[in-house]
Amino acid sequence: MSTDAAKGPASYFPSIEKKYGQPIAHWKELIRNSPLTRHMELVAWLKAEHGLGHGHANALVKHTLDEGAK
């Protein structure tokens, strides 16, 4: 039996899309275009300005910043 379940931050993506009605690409674009650069600043901004829960905001920021670190 093979499981292709996402691991780490990406495991939150299906519930983020369902709960907030936007594709992950939308959130990543917001994060990339934000003048903020620090992880927790971005998390706080997503929570305050866009109504995301802490875990969802944290997962999106981590995944997006990790992509940029390549």
PDB file of N, CA and C in Angstrom:
ATOM      1  N   MET A   1       0.840  -1.185   0.000  1.00  0.00           N
ATOM      2  CA  MET A   1       0.000   0.000   0.000  1.00  0.00           C
ATOM      3  C   MET A   1       0.885   1.249   0.000  1.00  0.00           C
ATOM      4  N   SER A   2       0.734   2.068  -1.008  1.00  0.00           N
ATOM      5  CA  SER A   2       1.540   3.266  -1.143  1.00  0.00           C
ATOM      6  C   SER A   2       0.764   4.477  -0.642  1.00  0.00           C
ATOM      7  N   THR A   3       1.444   5.330   0.111  1.00  0.00           N
ATOM      8  CA  THR A   3       0.789   6.557   0.556  1.00  0.00           C
ATOM      9  C   THR A   3       1.558   7.736  -0.010  1.00  0.00           C
ATOM     10  N   ASP A   4       0.855   8.587  -0.718  1.00  0.00           N
ATOM     11  CA  ASP A   4       1.460   9.766  -1.303  1.00  0.00           C
ATOM     12  C   ASP A   4       1.058  11.016  -0.526  1.00  0.00           C
ATOM     13  N   ALA A   5       0.708  10.847   0.731  1.00  0.00           N
ATOM     14  CA  ALA A   5       0.280  11.978   1.542  1.00  0.00           C
ATOM     15  C   ALA A   5       1.422  12.983   1.667  1.00  0.00           C
ATOM     16  N   ALA A   6       1.067  14.256   1.587  1.00  0.00           N
ATOM     17  CA  ALA A   6       2.056  15.315   1.733  1.00  0.00           C
ATOM     18  C   ALA A   6       2.594  15.312   3.156  1.00  0.00           C
ATOM     19  N   LYS A   7       3.836  15.699   3.289  1.00  0.00           N
ATOM     20  CA  LYS A   7       4.471  15.751   4.587  1.00  0.00           C
ATOM     21  C   LYS A   7       4.804  17.203   4.923  1.00  0.00           C
ATOM     22  N   GLY A   8       4.995  17.491   6.192  1.00  0.00           N
ATOM     23  CA  GLY A   8       5.393  18.824   6.616  1.00  0.00           C
ATOM     24  C   GLY A   8       4.336  19.869   6.302  1.00  0.00           C
ATOM     25  N   PRO A   9       4.786  21.103   6.010  1.00  0.00           N
ATOM     26  CA  PRO A   9       3.841  22.190   5.777  1.00  0.00           C
ATOM     27  C   PRO A   9       2.811  21.893   4.683  1.00  0.00           C
ATOM     28  N   ALA A  10       3.222  21.182   3.640  1.00  0.00           N
ATOM     29  CA  ALA A  10       2.309  20.910   2.522  1.00  0.00           C
ATOM     30  C   ALA A  10       1.121  20.053   2.949  1.00  0.00           C
ATOM     31  N   SER A  11       1.237  19.351   4.066  1.00  0.00           N
ATOM     32  CA  SER A  11       0.114  18.524   4.524  1.00  0.00           C
ATOM     33  C   SER A  11      -1.089  19.379   4.907  1.00  0.00           C
ATOM     34  N   TYR A  12      -0.861  20.644   5.159  1.00  0.00           N
ATOM     35  CA  TYR A  12      -1.950  21.559   5.498  1.00  0.00           C
ATOM     36  C   TYR A  12      -2.670  22.107   4.270  1.00  0.00           C
ATOM     37  N   PHE A  13      -2.069  21.994   3.090  1.00  0.00           N
ATOM     38  CA  PHE A  13      -2.582  22.690   1.909  1.00  0.00           C
ATOM     39  C   PHE A  13      -4.024  22.356   1.544  1.00  0.00           C
ATOM     40  N   PRO A  14      -4.440  21.097   1.540  1.00  0.00           N
ATOM     41  CA  PRO A  14      -5.844  20.827   1.189  1.00  0.00           C
ATOM     42  C   PRO A  14      -6.839  21.525   2.122  1.00  0.00           C
ATOM     43  N   SER A  15      -6.553  21.514   3.415  1.00  0.00           N
ATOM     44  CA  SER A  15      -7.481  22.156   4.348  1.00  0.00           C
ATOM     45  C   SER A  15      -7.421  23.678   4.235  1.00  0.00           C
ATOM     46  N   ILE A  16      -6.273  24.229   3.895  1.00  0.00           N
ATOM     47  CA  ILE A  16      -6.158  25.678   3.697  1.00  0.00           C
ATOM     48  C   ILE A  16      -7.010  26.102   2.505  1.00  0.00           C
ATOM     49  N   GLU A  17      -6.891  25.378   1.403  1.00  0.00           N
ATOM     50  CA  GLU A  17      -7.675  25.711   0.210  1.00  0.00           C
ATOM     51  C   GLU A  17      -9.171  25.591   0.485  1.00  0.00           C
ATOM     52  N   LYS A  18      -9.552  24.553   1.205  1.00  0.00           N
ATOM     53  CA  LYS A  18     -10.970  24.336   1.500  1.00  0.00           C
ATOM     54  C   LYS A  18     -11.507  25.419   2.434  1.00  0.00           C
ATOM     55  N   LYS A  19     -10.770  25.724   3.477  1.00  0.00           N
ATOM     56  CA  LYS A  19     -11.248  26.665   4.498  1.00  0.00           C
ATOM     57  C   LYS A  19     -11.292  28.104   3.999  1.00  0.00           C
ATOM     58  N   TYR A  20     -10.282  28.520   3.232  1.00  0.00           N
ATOM     59  CA  TYR A  20     -10.175  29.929   2.857  1.00  0.00           C
ATOM     60  C   TYR A  20     -10.563  30.209   1.410  1.00  0.00           C
ATOM     61  N   GLY A  21     -10.831  29.163   0.630  1.00  0.00           N
ATOM     62  CA  GLY A  21     -11.360  29.344  -0.715  1.00  0.00           C
ATOM     63  C   GLY A  21     -10.400  29.903  -1.745  1.00  0.00           C
ATOM     64  N   GLN A  22      -9.123  29.821  -1.462  1.00  0.00           N
ATOM     65  CA  GLN A  22      -8.114  30.305  -2.410  1.00  0.00           C
ATOM     66  C   GLN A  22      -7.082  29.208  -2.635  1.00  0.00           C
ATOM     67  N   PRO A  23      -6.540  29.128  -3.851  1.00  0.00           N
ATOM     68  CA  PRO A  23      -5.487  28.141  -4.095  1.00  0.00           C
ATOM     69  C   PRO A  23      -4.204  28.519  -3.353  1.00  0.00           C
ATOM     70  N   ILE A  24      -3.370  27.549  -3.110  1.00  0.00           N
ATOM     71  CA  ILE A  24      -2.096  27.785  -2.415  1.00  0.00           C
ATOM     72  C   ILE A  24      -1.267  28.822  -3.162  1.00  0.00           C
ATOM     73  N   ALA A  25      -1.320  28.811  -4.484  1.00  0.00           N
ATOM     74  CA  ALA A  25      -0.560  29.787  -5.281  1.00  0.00           C
ATOM     75  C   ALA A  25      -0.930  31.224  -4.901  1.00  0.00           C
ATOM     76  N   HIS A  26      -2.194  31.456  -4.571  1.00  0.00           N
ATOM     77  CA  HIS A  26      -2.643  32.792  -4.154  1.00  0.00           C
ATOM     78  C   HIS A  26      -1.910  33.232  -2.890  1.00  0.00           C
ATOM     79  N   TRP A  27      -1.861  32.357  -1.899  1.00  0.00           N
ATOM     80  CA  TRP A  27      -1.212  32.693  -0.627  1.00  0.00           C
ATOM     81  C   TRP A  27       0.286  32.867  -0.798  1.00  0.00           C
ATOM     82  N   LYS A  28       0.901  31.999  -1.605  1.00  0.00           N
ATOM     83  CA  LYS A  28       2.342  32.117  -1.837  1.00  0.00           C
ATOM     84  C   LYS A  28       2.687  33.430  -2.528  1.00  0.00           C
ATOM     85  N   GLU A  29       1.851  33.837  -3.465  1.00  0.00           N
ATOM     86  CA  GLU A  29       2.086  35.105  -4.156  1.00  0.00           C
ATOM     87  C   GLU A  29       1.981  36.271  -3.174  1.00  0.00           C
ATOM     88  N   LEU A  30       0.972  36.244  -2.290  1.00  0.00           N
ATOM     89  CA  LEU A  30       0.855  37.288  -1.272  1.00  0.00           C
ATOM     90  C   LEU A  30       2.103  37.352  -0.404  1.00  0.00           C
ATOM     91  N   ILE A  31       2.579  36.200   0.026  1.00  0.00           N
ATOM     92  CA  ILE A  31       3.769  36.147   0.883  1.00  0.00           C
ATOM     93  C   ILE A  31       4.984  36.686   0.134  1.00  0.00           C
ATOM     94  N   ARG A  32       5.183  36.245  -1.104  1.00  0.00           N
ATOM     95  CA  ARG A  32       6.343  36.701  -1.885  1.00  0.00           C
ATOM     96  C   ARG A  32       6.300  38.200  -2.163  1.00  0.00           C
ATOM     97  N   ASN A  33       5.094  38.753  -2.343  1.00  0.00           N
ATOM     98  CA  ASN A  33       4.962  40.169  -2.667  1.00  0.00           C
ATOM     99  C   ASN A  33       4.888  41.077  -1.442  1.00  0.00           C
ATOM    100  N   SER A  34       4.852  40.495  -0.277  1.00  0.00           N
ATOM    101  CA  SER A  34       4.785  41.287   0.947  1.00  0.00           C
ATOM    102  C   SER A  34       6.128  41.963   1.196  1.00  0.00           C
ATOM    103  N   PRO A  35       6.107  43.188   1.727  1.00  0.00           N
ATOM    104  CA  PRO A  35       7.376  43.836   2.088  1.00  0.00           C
ATOM    105  C   PRO A  35       8.014  43.182   3.317  1.00  0.00           C
ATOM    106  N   LEU A  36       7.241  42.375   4.033  1.00  0.00           N
ATOM    107  CA  LEU A  36       7.771  41.673   5.207  1.00  0.00           C
ATOM    108  C   LEU A  36       8.651  40.517   4.752  1.00  0.00           C
ATOM    109  N   THR A  37       9.674  40.216   5.535  1.00  0.00           N
ATOM    110  CA  THR A  37      10.584  39.132   5.160  1.00  0.00           C
ATOM    111  C   THR A  37      10.796  38.110   6.270  1.00  0.00           C
ATOM    112  N   ARG A  38      10.519  38.479   7.516  1.00  0.00           N
ATOM    113  CA  ARG A  38      10.768  37.565   8.618  1.00  0.00           C
ATOM    114  C   ARG A  38       9.579  36.627   8.809  1.00  0.00           C
ATOM    115  N   HIS A  39       9.897  35.394   9.144  1.00  0.00           N
ATOM    116  CA  HIS A  39       8.881  34.346   9.261  1.00  0.00           C
ATOM    117  C   HIS A  39       7.705  34.766  10.146  1.00  0.00           C
ATOM    118  N   MET A  40       7.975  35.138  11.375  1.00  0.00           N
ATOM    119  CA  MET A  40       6.878  35.423  12.306  1.00  0.00           C
ATOM    120  C   MET A  40       6.135  36.708  11.945  1.00  0.00           C
ATOM    121  N   GLU A  41       6.811  37.655  11.310  1.00  0.00           N
ATOM    122  CA  GLU A  41       6.111  38.854  10.832  1.00  0.00           C
ATOM    123  C   GLU A  41       5.088  38.466   9.770  1.00  0.00           C
ATOM    124  N   LEU A  42       5.486  37.593   8.868  1.00  0.00           N
ATOM    125  CA  LEU A  42       4.582  37.136   7.809  1.00  0.00           C
ATOM    126  C   LEU A  42       3.416  36.336   8.391  1.00  0.00           C
ATOM    127  N   VAL A  43       3.692  35.485   9.365  1.00  0.00           N
ATOM    128  CA  VAL A  43       2.634  34.707  10.013  1.00  0.00           C
ATOM    129  C   VAL A  43       1.628  35.657  10.669  1.00  0.00           C
ATOM    130  N   ALA A  44       2.122  36.624  11.421  1.00  0.00           N
ATOM    131  CA  ALA A  44       1.238  37.572  12.108  1.00  0.00           C
ATOM    132  C   ALA A  44       0.412  38.366  11.099  1.00  0.00           C
ATOM    133  N   TRP A  45       1.022  38.748   9.992  1.00  0.00           N
ATOM    134  CA  TRP A  45       0.321  39.499   8.945  1.00  0.00           C
ATOM    135  C   TRP A  45      -0.791  38.677   8.309  1.00  0.00           C
ATOM    136  N   LEU A  46      -0.516  37.419   7.989  1.00  0.00           N
ATOM    137  CA  LEU A  46      -1.551  36.563   7.407  1.00  0.00           C
ATOM    138  C   LEU A  46      -2.712  36.375   8.378  1.00  0.00           C
ATOM    139  N   LYS A  47      -2.403  36.246   9.655  1.00  0.00           N
ATOM    140  CA  LYS A  47      -3.444  36.074  10.660  1.00  0.00           C
ATOM    141  C   LYS A  47      -4.276  37.346  10.807  1.00  0.00           C
ATOM    142  N   ALA A  48      -3.608  38.493  10.910  1.00  0.00           N
ATOM    143  CA  ALA A  48      -4.306  39.756  11.162  1.00  0.00           C
ATOM    144  C   ALA A  48      -5.042  40.277   9.929  1.00  0.00           C
ATOM    145  N   GLU A  49      -4.399  40.225   8.782  1.00  0.00           N
ATOM    146  CA  GLU A  49      -4.963  40.841   7.584  1.00  0.00           C
ATOM    147  C   GLU A  49      -5.842  39.901   6.762  1.00  0.00           C
ATOM    148  N   HIS A  50      -5.598  38.601   6.878  1.00  0.00           N
ATOM    149  CA  HIS A  50      -6.304  37.654   6.015  1.00  0.00           C
ATOM    150  C   HIS A  50      -7.097  36.602   6.782  1.00  0.00           C
ATOM    151  N   GLY A  51      -7.051  36.650   8.113  1.00  0.00           N
ATOM    152  CA  GLY A  51      -7.869  35.779   8.928  1.00  0.00           C
ATOM    153  C   GLY A  51      -7.456  34.320   8.975  1.00  0.00           C
ATOM    154  N   LEU A  52      -6.215  34.033   8.628  1.00  0.00           N
ATOM    155  CA  LEU A  52      -5.755  32.645   8.689  1.00  0.00           C
ATOM    156  C   LEU A  52      -5.468  32.253  10.132  1.00  0.00           C
ATOM    157  N   GLY A  53      -5.635  30.969  10.414  1.00  0.00           N
ATOM    158  CA  GLY A  53      -5.241  30.439  11.708  1.00  0.00           C
ATOM    159  C   GLY A  53      -3.722  30.341  11.782  1.00  0.00           C
ATOM    160  N   HIS A  54      -3.200  30.250  12.990  1.00  0.00           N
ATOM    161  CA  HIS A  54      -1.741  30.230  13.175  1.00  0.00           C
ATOM    162  C   HIS A  54      -1.068  29.075  12.430  1.00  0.00           C
ATOM    163  N   GLY A  55      -1.600  27.873  12.585  1.00  0.00           N
ATOM    164  CA  GLY A  55      -0.974  26.708  11.941  1.00  0.00           C
ATOM    165  C   GLY A  55      -0.971  26.819  10.428  1.00  0.00           C
ATOM    166  N   HIS A  56      -2.066  27.303   9.859  1.00  0.00           N
ATOM    167  CA  HIS A  56      -2.138  27.453   8.408  1.00  0.00           C
ATOM    168  C   HIS A  56      -1.180  28.538   7.923  1.00  0.00           C
ATOM    169  N   ALA A  57      -1.159  29.671   8.614  1.00  0.00           N
ATOM    170  CA  ALA A  57      -0.252  30.756   8.231  1.00  0.00           C
ATOM    171  C   ALA A  57       1.199  30.304   8.340  1.00  0.00           C
ATOM    172  N   ASN A  58       1.520  29.620   9.424  1.00  0.00           N
ATOM    173  CA  ASN A  58       2.881  29.136   9.643  1.00  0.00           C
ATOM    174  C   ASN A  58       3.306  28.168   8.538  1.00  0.00           C
ATOM    175  N   ALA A  59       2.431  27.254   8.168  1.00  0.00           N
ATOM    176  CA  ALA A  59       2.749  26.278   7.122  1.00  0.00           C
ATOM    177  C   ALA A  59       2.990  26.964   5.779  1.00  0.00           C
ATOM    178  N   LEU A  60       2.149  27.929   5.436  1.00  0.00           N
ATOM    179  CA  LEU A  60       2.310  28.644   4.170  1.00  0.00           C
ATOM    180  C   LEU A  60       3.615  29.431   4.135  1.00  0.00           C
ATOM    181  N   VAL A  61       3.916  30.133   5.216  1.00  0.00           N
ATOM    182  CA  VAL A  61       5.142  30.936   5.262  1.00  0.00           C
ATOM    183  C   VAL A  61       6.369  30.036   5.190  1.00  0.00           C
ATOM    184  N   LYS A  62       6.384  28.977   5.975  1.00  0.00           N
ATOM    185  CA  LYS A  62       7.553  28.072   5.966  1.00  0.00           C
ATOM    186  C   LYS A  62       7.776  27.493   4.583  1.00  0.00           C
ATOM    187  N   HIS A  63       6.728  26.979   3.986  1.00  0.00           N
ATOM    188  CA  HIS A  63       6.857  26.352   2.670  1.00  0.00           C
ATOM    189  C   HIS A  63       7.340  27.370   1.631  1.00  0.00           C
ATOM    190  N   THR A  64       6.780  28.565   1.657  1.00  0.00           N
ATOM    191  CA  THR A  64       7.143  29.596   0.687  1.00  0.00           C
ATOM    192  C   THR A  64       8.581  30.070   0.897  1.00  0.00           C
ATOM    193  N   LEU A  65       8.974  30.316   2.139  1.00  0.00           N
ATOM    194  CA  LEU A  65      10.339  30.764   2.397  1.00  0.00           C
ATOM    195  C   LEU A  65      11.351  29.673   2.096  1.00  0.00           C
ATOM    196  N   ASP A  66      11.006  28.427   2.371  1.00  0.00           N
ATOM    197  CA  ASP A  66      11.921  27.317   2.053  1.00  0.00           C
ATOM    198  C   ASP A  66      12.149  27.207   0.551  1.00  0.00           C
ATOM    199  N   GLU A  67      11.121  27.472  -0.241  1.00  0.00           N
ATOM    200  CA  GLU A  67      11.282  27.441  -1.704  1.00  0.00           C
ATOM    201  C   GLU A  67      12.267  28.508  -2.171  1.00  0.00           C
ATOM    202  N   GLY A  68      12.185  29.676  -1.553  1.00  0.00           N
ATOM    203  CA  GLY A  68      13.070  30.776  -1.932  1.00  0.00           C
ATOM    204  C   GLY A  68      14.495  30.582  -1.485  1.00  0.00           C
ATOM    205  N   ALA A  69      14.715  29.655  -0.567  1.00  0.00           N
ATOM    206  CA  ALA A  69      16.051  29.425  -0.025  1.00  0.00           C
ATOM    207  C   ALA A  69      16.910  28.522  -0.903  1.00  0.00           C
ATOM    208  N   LYS A  70      16.341  28.025  -1.985  1.00  0.00           N
ATOM    209  CA  LYS A  70      17.082  27.106  -2.835  1.00  0.00           C
ATOM    210  C   LYS A  70      18.205  27.798  -3.564  1.00  0.00           C
TER     211      LYS A  70
END
